[in-house]
N, C-alpha and C. Protein backbone atom coordinates (compact mmCIF):
# COMPACT_ATOMS: atom_id res chain seq x y z
N UNK A 1 141.32 46.58 58.72
CA UNK A 1 140.11 46.20 58.50
C UNK A 1 139.76 46.46 57.15
N UNK A 2 138.50 46.43 56.84
CA UNK A 2 138.02 46.34 55.84
C UNK A 2 136.02 46.91 56.08
N UNK A 3 135.34 47.83 55.74
CA UNK A 3 133.92 48.05 55.14
C UNK A 3 133.39 46.91 54.57
N UNK A 4 132.80 46.05 55.37
CA UNK A 4 132.13 45.04 55.31
C UNK A 4 130.83 44.91 54.82
N UNK A 5 130.13 46.07 55.49
CA UNK A 5 128.45 46.15 55.15
C UNK A 5 127.80 47.63 55.73
N UNK A 6 127.35 47.98 55.26
CA UNK A 6 126.69 49.52 55.72
C UNK A 6 124.87 49.14 55.72
N UNK A 7 124.44 49.58 56.59
CA UNK A 7 123.01 49.72 56.99
C UNK A 7 122.90 51.52 56.94
N UNK A 8 122.49 52.00 56.37
CA UNK A 8 121.96 53.51 55.53
C UNK A 8 120.72 54.08 55.43
N UNK A 9 120.13 53.06 55.31
CA UNK A 9 118.37 53.42 54.52
C UNK A 9 117.32 52.53 56.05
N UNK A 10 116.79 53.18 57.09
CA UNK A 10 116.81 52.14 58.50
C UNK A 10 115.28 52.27 58.11
N UNK A 11 114.95 50.32 58.23
CA UNK A 11 113.37 50.58 58.25
C UNK A 11 112.63 50.79 59.31
N UNK A 12 111.42 50.82 59.51
CA UNK A 12 111.01 51.97 60.08
C UNK A 12 111.16 51.03 61.97
N UNK A 13 110.88 49.50 61.24
CA UNK A 13 110.81 48.51 62.26
C UNK A 13 112.26 48.31 62.90
N UNK A 14 113.67 48.55 62.70
CA UNK A 14 114.81 48.54 62.79
C UNK A 14 115.60 49.96 63.06
N UNK A 15 114.75 50.32 63.64
CA UNK A 15 114.96 51.99 64.38
C UNK A 15 114.48 53.13 63.97
N UNK A 16 115.48 54.08 63.65
CA UNK A 16 115.29 55.56 63.65
C UNK A 16 116.01 56.22 62.93
N UNK A 17 115.97 57.14 61.89
CA UNK A 17 116.94 57.83 61.11
C UNK A 17 116.87 59.34 61.27
N UNK A 18 115.89 59.05 62.55
CA UNK A 18 115.69 61.02 63.33
C UNK A 18 116.50 60.62 64.41
N UNK A 19 117.75 62.07 64.56
CA UNK A 19 117.34 63.04 64.01
C UNK A 19 118.04 63.00 62.59
N UNK A 20 119.76 62.26 62.45
CA UNK A 20 120.62 61.95 61.42
C UNK A 20 121.11 60.45 61.29
N UNK A 21 120.32 59.43 61.33
CA UNK A 21 120.54 58.32 61.47
C UNK A 21 121.07 57.64 62.26
N UNK A 22 119.95 57.70 63.65
CA UNK A 22 120.51 57.60 64.93
C UNK A 22 121.07 55.79 64.43
N UNK A 23 120.44 55.09 63.70
CA UNK A 23 120.12 53.70 63.95
C UNK A 23 120.91 53.00 62.66
N UNK A 24 121.45 54.36 62.18
CA UNK A 24 122.60 53.95 60.97
C UNK A 24 123.23 53.03 61.60
N UNK A 25 123.93 51.86 60.79
CA UNK A 25 125.69 51.01 61.34
C UNK A 25 126.10 50.76 60.17
N UNK A 26 127.66 50.51 60.22
CA UNK A 26 128.40 49.88 59.40
C UNK A 26 129.53 48.82 60.01
N UNK A 27 129.60 47.57 58.86
CA UNK A 27 130.37 46.39 59.93
C UNK A 27 132.00 46.68 59.43
N UNK A 28 132.66 46.47 60.21
CA UNK A 28 134.07 46.43 59.64
C UNK A 28 134.58 45.15 59.89
N UNK A 29 135.32 44.63 59.04
CA UNK A 29 135.81 43.17 59.18
C UNK A 29 137.75 43.04 59.39
N UNK A 30 138.13 42.32 60.02
CA UNK A 30 139.22 42.71 60.02
C UNK A 30 139.65 40.97 59.55
N UNK A 31 140.18 40.86 58.16
CA UNK A 31 141.05 40.07 57.31
C UNK A 31 142.40 39.17 57.89
N UNK A 32 142.81 39.79 58.58
CA UNK A 32 144.01 39.51 59.04
C UNK A 32 144.28 38.62 60.10
N UNK A 33 145.49 37.89 60.01
CA UNK A 33 145.26 37.30 61.60
C UNK A 33 146.05 37.44 62.70
N UNK A 34 146.05 38.84 62.71
CA UNK A 34 146.03 39.35 63.91
C UNK A 34 144.80 40.66 64.24
N UNK A 35 144.84 40.52 65.98
CA UNK A 35 144.09 41.84 65.96
C UNK A 35 144.31 43.02 65.67
N UNK A 36 143.46 43.71 65.05
CA UNK A 36 143.79 45.19 65.47
C UNK A 36 142.73 46.33 65.87
N UNK A 37 143.54 47.15 66.38
CA UNK A 37 143.13 47.88 67.70
C UNK A 37 142.69 49.45 66.73
N UNK A 38 141.76 49.66 66.54
CA UNK A 38 141.17 50.64 65.76
C UNK A 38 141.09 52.17 66.51
N UNK A 39 141.22 52.24 68.03
CA UNK A 39 140.95 53.42 68.42
C UNK A 39 141.88 54.25 67.66
N UNK A 40 141.08 55.83 67.75
CA UNK A 40 141.76 57.02 66.82
C UNK A 40 141.51 56.54 65.55
N UNK A 41 141.07 55.50 64.91
CA UNK A 41 140.86 55.54 63.66
C UNK A 41 139.98 56.50 62.90
N UNK A 42 139.15 56.94 62.11
CA UNK A 42 138.24 57.55 61.51
C UNK A 42 137.13 57.18 60.25
N UNK A 43 136.25 57.53 60.59
CA UNK A 43 135.27 56.73 59.41
C UNK A 43 134.88 58.28 58.84
N UNK A 44 134.96 58.44 57.90
CA UNK A 44 134.26 59.68 57.30
C UNK A 44 133.33 59.28 56.04
N UNK A 45 132.07 60.25 55.78
CA UNK A 45 131.13 60.25 54.78
C UNK A 45 131.33 61.75 54.05
N UNK A 46 130.90 62.32 52.83
CA UNK A 46 131.11 63.30 52.17
C UNK A 46 131.22 64.65 52.98
N UNK A 47 130.73 64.92 54.50
CA UNK A 47 131.13 66.21 54.99
C UNK A 47 131.78 65.98 55.78
N UNK A 48 132.03 65.00 57.10
CA UNK A 48 132.77 65.39 58.22
C UNK A 48 133.01 63.51 58.36
N UNK A 49 133.81 63.26 59.49
CA UNK A 49 134.35 62.40 60.18
C UNK A 49 134.29 62.26 61.60
N UNK A 50 133.90 60.86 61.46
CA UNK A 50 133.97 60.76 62.97
C UNK A 50 135.23 59.80 63.35
N UNK A 51 135.55 59.83 64.61
CA UNK A 51 136.87 58.69 65.84
C UNK A 51 136.16 58.02 66.49
N UNK A 52 137.00 56.75 65.90
CA UNK A 52 136.60 56.08 66.88
C UNK A 52 137.37 55.90 68.77
N UNK A 53 136.18 55.93 68.92
CA UNK A 53 136.72 56.16 70.45
C UNK A 53 137.86 55.23 71.05
N UNK A 54 138.83 55.92 71.97
CA UNK A 54 139.84 55.49 72.49
C UNK A 54 139.51 54.46 73.46
N UNK A 55 140.76 53.31 73.86
CA UNK A 55 139.63 52.05 74.40
C UNK A 55 138.66 51.30 74.01
N UNK A 56 138.28 51.68 72.38
CA UNK A 56 137.79 50.62 72.14
C UNK A 56 138.77 49.23 71.79
N UNK A 57 137.73 47.91 72.21
CA UNK A 57 138.15 46.61 71.46
C UNK A 57 138.82 46.51 70.49
N UNK A 58 139.79 45.65 70.44
CA UNK A 58 140.33 45.56 69.29
C UNK A 58 139.96 44.57 68.43
N UNK A 59 139.47 44.48 67.15
CA UNK A 59 138.90 43.56 66.40
C UNK A 59 139.52 42.66 66.08
N UNK A 60 139.19 41.32 66.67
CA UNK A 60 139.63 40.23 66.48
C UNK A 60 140.73 39.42 64.68
N UNK A 61 141.41 38.33 65.33
CA UNK A 61 141.72 38.29 63.74
C UNK A 61 140.40 37.19 62.88
N UNK A 62 140.41 38.00 61.50
CA UNK A 62 139.08 37.51 61.06
C UNK A 62 137.49 37.43 61.87
N UNK A 63 137.90 39.15 62.90
CA UNK A 63 136.37 39.12 63.63
C UNK A 63 135.97 40.11 63.29
N UNK A 64 134.87 41.07 63.61
CA UNK A 64 134.23 41.97 63.07
C UNK A 64 134.21 42.93 64.09
N UNK A 65 133.47 44.24 63.78
CA UNK A 65 132.94 45.34 64.82
C UNK A 65 132.02 45.67 63.75
N UNK A 66 130.81 46.33 65.09
CA UNK A 66 129.81 46.98 64.29
C UNK A 66 129.54 48.39 64.85
N UNK A 67 129.59 49.25 64.34
CA UNK A 67 129.61 50.89 64.37
C UNK A 67 128.63 51.14 64.08
N UNK A 68 128.18 52.09 65.34
CA UNK A 68 126.67 52.58 65.32
C UNK A 68 126.97 54.16 65.85
N UNK A 69 126.38 54.88 66.23
CA UNK A 69 125.62 56.32 66.61
C UNK A 69 124.99 56.56 68.18
N UNK A 70 124.66 55.16 68.25
CA UNK A 70 123.34 55.14 69.27
C UNK A 70 123.53 53.37 69.73
N UNK A 71 123.34 53.49 70.57
CA UNK A 71 123.19 52.13 71.56
C UNK A 71 122.12 51.98 71.44
N UNK A 72 120.98 52.36 70.49
CA UNK A 72 120.00 51.64 71.33
C UNK A 72 120.12 50.63 69.98
N UNK A 73 120.61 50.73 68.88
CA UNK A 73 121.01 50.10 67.52
C UNK A 73 121.05 48.31 68.09
N UNK A 74 121.29 48.57 69.61
CA UNK A 74 121.77 47.24 69.55
C UNK A 74 120.40 46.23 70.18
N UNK A 75 119.58 46.94 70.21
CA UNK A 75 117.92 46.14 70.27
C UNK A 75 117.49 45.84 69.40
N UNK A 76 117.80 46.57 68.07
CA UNK A 76 117.38 45.96 66.92
C UNK A 76 117.60 44.83 66.13
N UNK A 77 119.00 44.13 66.53
CA UNK A 77 119.64 43.20 65.75
C UNK A 77 120.26 42.21 66.98
N UNK A 78 120.55 40.96 66.48
CA UNK A 78 121.24 39.89 66.91
C UNK A 78 122.37 40.07 66.45
N UNK A 79 123.07 40.48 67.53
CA UNK A 79 124.50 40.13 66.87
C UNK A 79 125.49 39.75 67.97
N UNK A 80 126.56 38.71 67.24
CA UNK A 80 126.75 37.49 68.15
C UNK A 80 127.82 38.13 69.02
N UNK A 81 127.92 37.28 70.00
CA UNK A 81 128.56 37.77 71.50
C UNK A 81 130.08 38.61 70.81
N UNK A 82 131.38 38.14 70.30
CA UNK A 82 132.29 37.60 69.96
C UNK A 82 132.58 38.87 69.64
N UNK A 83 131.66 40.06 68.51
CA UNK A 83 131.44 41.19 67.82
C UNK A 83 131.75 42.13 68.50
N UNK A 84 133.05 43.13 68.46
CA UNK A 84 133.19 44.41 69.14
C UNK A 84 131.99 45.47 68.81
N UNK A 85 130.97 45.84 69.73
CA UNK A 85 130.49 46.94 69.37
C UNK A 85 130.59 48.28 69.93
N UNK A 86 130.61 49.02 68.48
CA UNK A 86 131.00 50.61 68.80
C UNK A 86 130.27 51.81 68.59
N UNK A 87 130.07 52.37 70.22
CA UNK A 87 129.01 53.13 69.58
C UNK A 87 129.99 55.24 69.73
N UNK A 88 129.72 55.62 68.50
CA UNK A 88 130.57 56.54 68.42
C UNK A 88 129.79 57.74 69.43
N UNK A 89 131.04 58.45 69.52
CA UNK A 89 130.36 59.88 70.55
C UNK A 89 129.40 60.81 69.71
N UNK A 90 129.76 61.36 68.43
CA UNK A 90 128.93 61.89 68.01
C UNK A 90 127.56 60.83 67.60
N UNK A 91 126.81 61.82 67.07
CA UNK A 91 125.17 61.35 67.09
C UNK A 91 124.78 60.50 65.63
N UNK A 92 125.70 60.53 65.14
CA UNK A 92 125.62 60.60 63.37
C UNK A 92 126.74 59.70 63.05
N UNK A 93 126.87 59.00 62.02
CA UNK A 93 127.80 58.81 61.00
C UNK A 93 128.53 59.43 59.89
N UNK A 94 129.20 60.56 60.24
CA UNK A 94 129.69 61.38 59.43
C UNK A 94 128.50 62.80 59.66
N UNK A 95 127.64 62.70 58.71
CA UNK A 95 126.36 63.87 58.66
C UNK A 95 125.30 63.10 58.58
N UNK A 96 125.40 62.29 58.54
CA UNK A 96 124.07 61.14 58.60
C UNK A 96 124.16 60.67 57.08
N UNK A 97 124.32 59.63 56.73
CA UNK A 97 124.28 58.72 55.76
C UNK A 97 123.10 58.55 54.58
N UNK A 98 123.16 59.20 53.31
CA UNK A 98 122.59 59.66 52.66
C UNK A 98 121.68 58.48 52.31
N UNK A 99 120.24 58.24 52.37
CA UNK A 99 119.80 57.29 51.78
C UNK A 99 119.68 56.92 49.91
N UNK A 100 120.30 58.59 49.75
CA UNK A 100 120.18 57.99 47.61
C UNK A 100 121.87 58.21 47.53
N UNK A 101 122.98 57.99 47.88
CA UNK A 101 124.13 58.24 47.30
C UNK A 101 124.79 58.87 48.35
N UNK A 102 125.93 58.02 49.17
CA UNK A 102 127.17 58.53 50.18
C UNK A 102 128.42 58.28 49.33
N UNK A 103 129.33 58.65 50.06
CA UNK A 103 130.52 57.52 50.60
C UNK A 103 131.07 56.97 51.72
N UNK A 104 131.68 56.64 52.21
CA UNK A 104 132.03 56.06 53.44
C UNK A 104 133.62 55.67 53.06
N UNK A 105 134.77 56.43 54.34
CA UNK A 105 136.14 56.09 54.41
C UNK A 105 136.33 55.58 55.04
N UNK A 106 137.26 55.02 55.41
CA UNK A 106 137.78 54.60 56.65
C UNK A 106 139.27 54.71 56.55
N UNK A 107 139.77 55.31 57.92
CA UNK A 107 141.05 56.07 57.87
C UNK A 107 141.85 55.76 58.97
N UNK A 108 143.27 55.22 59.16
CA UNK A 108 144.13 55.43 60.09
C UNK A 108 144.56 56.41 60.87
N UNK A 109 144.66 55.75 62.14
CA UNK A 109 145.22 57.17 62.86
C UNK A 109 145.85 58.38 62.06
N UNK A 110 146.57 58.09 61.03
CA UNK A 110 147.15 59.37 60.50
C UNK A 110 146.60 59.70 60.00
N UNK A 111 145.68 59.63 59.24
CA UNK A 111 144.51 60.12 58.25
C UNK A 111 144.85 59.46 57.18
N UNK A 112 145.31 58.40 56.90
CA UNK A 112 145.77 57.76 55.66
C UNK A 112 144.39 56.92 55.37
N UNK A 113 143.68 57.14 53.93
CA UNK A 113 142.54 56.19 53.68
C UNK A 113 142.93 54.65 53.74
N UNK A 114 142.02 53.86 53.80
CA UNK A 114 142.38 52.22 54.35
C UNK A 114 141.18 51.51 53.72
N UNK A 115 140.11 52.01 53.52
CA UNK A 115 139.29 51.24 53.16
C UNK A 115 138.02 52.99 52.13
N UNK A 116 137.55 52.43 51.50
CA UNK A 116 136.18 53.33 51.14
C UNK A 116 135.33 52.50 50.36
N UNK A 117 134.05 53.25 49.99
CA UNK A 117 133.08 52.72 49.13
C UNK A 117 132.23 54.05 48.51
N UNK A 118 131.46 54.18 47.47
CA UNK A 118 130.81 55.13 47.50
C UNK A 118 129.42 54.11 46.75
N UNK A 119 128.01 54.78 47.04
CA UNK A 119 126.66 53.90 46.33
C UNK A 119 126.09 55.62 46.01
N UNK A 120 125.15 54.78 45.46
CA UNK A 120 124.20 55.55 44.86
C UNK A 120 124.83 56.59 43.66
N UNK A 121 124.16 57.83 44.39
CA UNK A 121 124.62 59.25 43.29
C UNK A 121 126.12 59.28 43.40
N UNK A 122 126.82 59.10 44.61
CA UNK A 122 128.05 59.50 44.98
C UNK A 122 128.95 58.24 44.05
N UNK A 123 129.65 59.05 43.29
CA UNK A 123 130.87 58.57 42.57
C UNK A 123 132.19 58.63 43.53
N UNK A 124 132.45 59.28 44.01
CA UNK A 124 133.95 59.59 44.47
C UNK A 124 135.19 58.57 44.77
N UNK A 125 134.39 57.54 45.34
CA UNK A 125 135.70 56.48 45.62
C UNK A 125 135.16 55.51 44.47
N UNK A 126 134.01 55.03 43.73
CA UNK A 126 133.92 54.23 42.65
C UNK A 126 133.06 55.07 41.66
N UNK A 127 133.77 54.53 40.31
CA UNK A 127 132.65 54.84 39.27
C UNK A 127 132.98 54.40 38.26
N UNK A 128 131.44 53.38 38.29
CA UNK A 128 130.68 53.45 38.77
C UNK A 128 130.40 53.16 40.12
N UNK A 129 129.50 53.54 40.74
CA UNK A 129 129.08 53.27 42.21
C UNK A 129 128.80 52.30 42.52
N UNK A 130 128.61 51.65 43.55
CA UNK A 130 127.64 50.55 44.25
C UNK A 130 126.65 50.96 44.26
N UNK A 131 125.29 50.03 43.91
CA UNK A 131 124.24 50.27 43.96
C UNK A 131 123.48 50.78 45.19
N UNK A 132 122.69 51.69 45.24
CA UNK A 132 121.82 52.22 45.92
C UNK A 132 120.61 51.50 46.30
N UNK A 133 120.38 50.52 47.74
CA UNK A 133 119.53 49.24 48.29
C UNK A 133 118.45 50.47 48.40
N UNK A 134 117.26 49.39 48.58
CA UNK A 134 116.22 49.77 49.25
C UNK A 134 115.56 49.89 50.58
N UNK A 135 114.93 50.79 51.59
CA UNK A 135 114.76 50.67 52.44
C UNK A 135 114.92 49.92 53.25
N UNK A 136 115.54 49.24 54.50
CA UNK A 136 115.65 48.10 55.13
C UNK A 136 116.48 47.09 54.85
N UNK A 137 117.06 47.15 53.60
CA UNK A 137 118.75 46.33 52.85
C UNK A 137 119.64 47.24 53.59
N UNK A 138 120.76 46.38 53.10
CA UNK A 138 122.35 46.59 53.42
C UNK A 138 123.18 46.69 52.31
N UNK A 139 124.05 47.45 52.18
CA UNK A 139 125.05 47.28 51.17
C UNK A 139 125.84 46.30 51.69
N UNK A 140 126.38 44.77 51.16
CA UNK A 140 127.63 44.09 51.80
C UNK A 140 128.72 43.70 50.76
N UNK A 141 129.84 43.30 51.39
CA UNK A 141 130.66 42.32 50.41
C UNK A 141 129.77 41.44 50.20
N UNK A 142 130.35 41.16 48.46
CA UNK A 142 130.09 39.82 48.10
C UNK A 142 130.61 38.57 48.98
N UNK A 143 131.80 39.04 49.56
CA UNK A 143 132.45 37.35 50.36
C UNK A 143 133.39 38.73 51.67
N UNK A 144 133.33 38.22 52.69
CA UNK A 144 134.05 39.23 53.97
C UNK A 144 135.85 39.05 53.39
N UNK A 145 136.09 40.27 53.27
CA UNK A 145 137.13 40.69 53.19
C UNK A 145 137.70 40.83 51.43
N UNK A 146 136.57 40.54 50.64
CA UNK A 146 136.96 40.54 49.42
C UNK A 146 137.42 41.60 48.86
N UNK A 147 138.43 42.53 48.09
CA UNK A 147 138.53 43.64 48.19
C UNK A 147 139.07 44.23 46.55
N UNK A 148 138.55 44.24 45.36
CA UNK A 148 139.13 44.50 44.22
C UNK A 148 139.01 46.24 44.08
N UNK A 149 138.63 46.84 44.83
CA UNK A 149 138.65 48.60 45.05
C UNK A 149 137.87 49.02 44.19
N UNK A 150 136.73 48.03 43.87
CA UNK A 150 135.23 48.42 42.77
C UNK A 150 134.42 48.32 43.21
N UNK A 151 133.21 49.14 42.72
CA UNK A 151 131.94 48.18 43.20
C UNK A 151 131.45 46.99 42.60
N UNK A 152 132.06 46.28 42.02
CA UNK A 152 131.83 44.89 41.88
C UNK A 152 131.97 43.90 43.30
N UNK A 153 132.53 44.43 44.34
CA UNK A 153 132.86 43.66 45.36
C UNK A 153 131.43 43.67 46.15
N UNK A 154 130.57 44.19 46.13
CA UNK A 154 129.18 44.85 46.46
C UNK A 154 127.74 44.34 46.49
N UNK A 155 127.20 44.27 47.18
CA UNK A 155 125.90 43.52 46.42
C UNK A 155 124.66 44.19 47.57
N UNK A 156 123.60 44.02 47.07
CA UNK A 156 122.06 44.50 47.99
C UNK A 156 121.80 43.22 48.62
N UNK A 157 121.89 43.80 50.32
CA UNK A 157 121.26 42.19 51.33
C UNK A 157 120.31 42.62 51.53
N UNK A 158 119.23 41.76 51.42
CA UNK A 158 117.48 42.04 51.58
C UNK A 158 117.90 41.96 52.88
N UNK A 159 118.55 41.16 53.50
CA UNK A 159 118.42 40.79 55.16
C UNK A 159 120.19 41.37 55.74
N UNK A 160 120.03 42.43 56.28
CA UNK A 160 121.19 42.94 56.77
C UNK A 160 121.83 41.63 58.04
N UNK A 161 123.08 41.83 58.44
CA UNK A 161 123.27 40.47 59.13
C UNK A 161 124.67 41.59 59.75
N UNK A 162 124.53 42.19 60.78
CA UNK A 162 125.29 42.88 61.42
C UNK A 162 126.44 42.11 62.70
N UNK A 163 127.84 41.86 62.23
CA UNK A 163 128.33 40.97 62.87
C UNK A 163 128.58 39.60 62.43
N UNK A 164 128.08 39.03 61.26
CA UNK A 164 127.87 37.95 60.68
C UNK A 164 128.92 38.22 59.38
């Protein structure tokens, strides 16, 4: 799977960032023709990693999963029924995604990086990084599954669309 969209600068009408990114979310996309079980995979930012809980439903072929640290996130968005919803056991994604720049790295169960993005002031994954977006916007791939391993894959989305 690939990181497909991230919502890190939460608008007040779409939840809270208190204490650390309560209603932040990331969307994963499976561009393959087979379902992928991501139980035990990790999502890491610049300081820490979260492990996808055991027993998480596999992401269907050409399907989406949305990952958040708090189930209240589902109250703010209309997410298609077929999308896999994943609530982390930790209270934040990494140590909370920075609104001005951070990185997000998806790792397989062996700790191997599978996909990553850096945005704003963080140039760890991409240099130059993907753009920092305004509060309430998301950063998303220009097309699901389009991956050239560069910041050019990403764009500002003024209308976030988790699972779509």
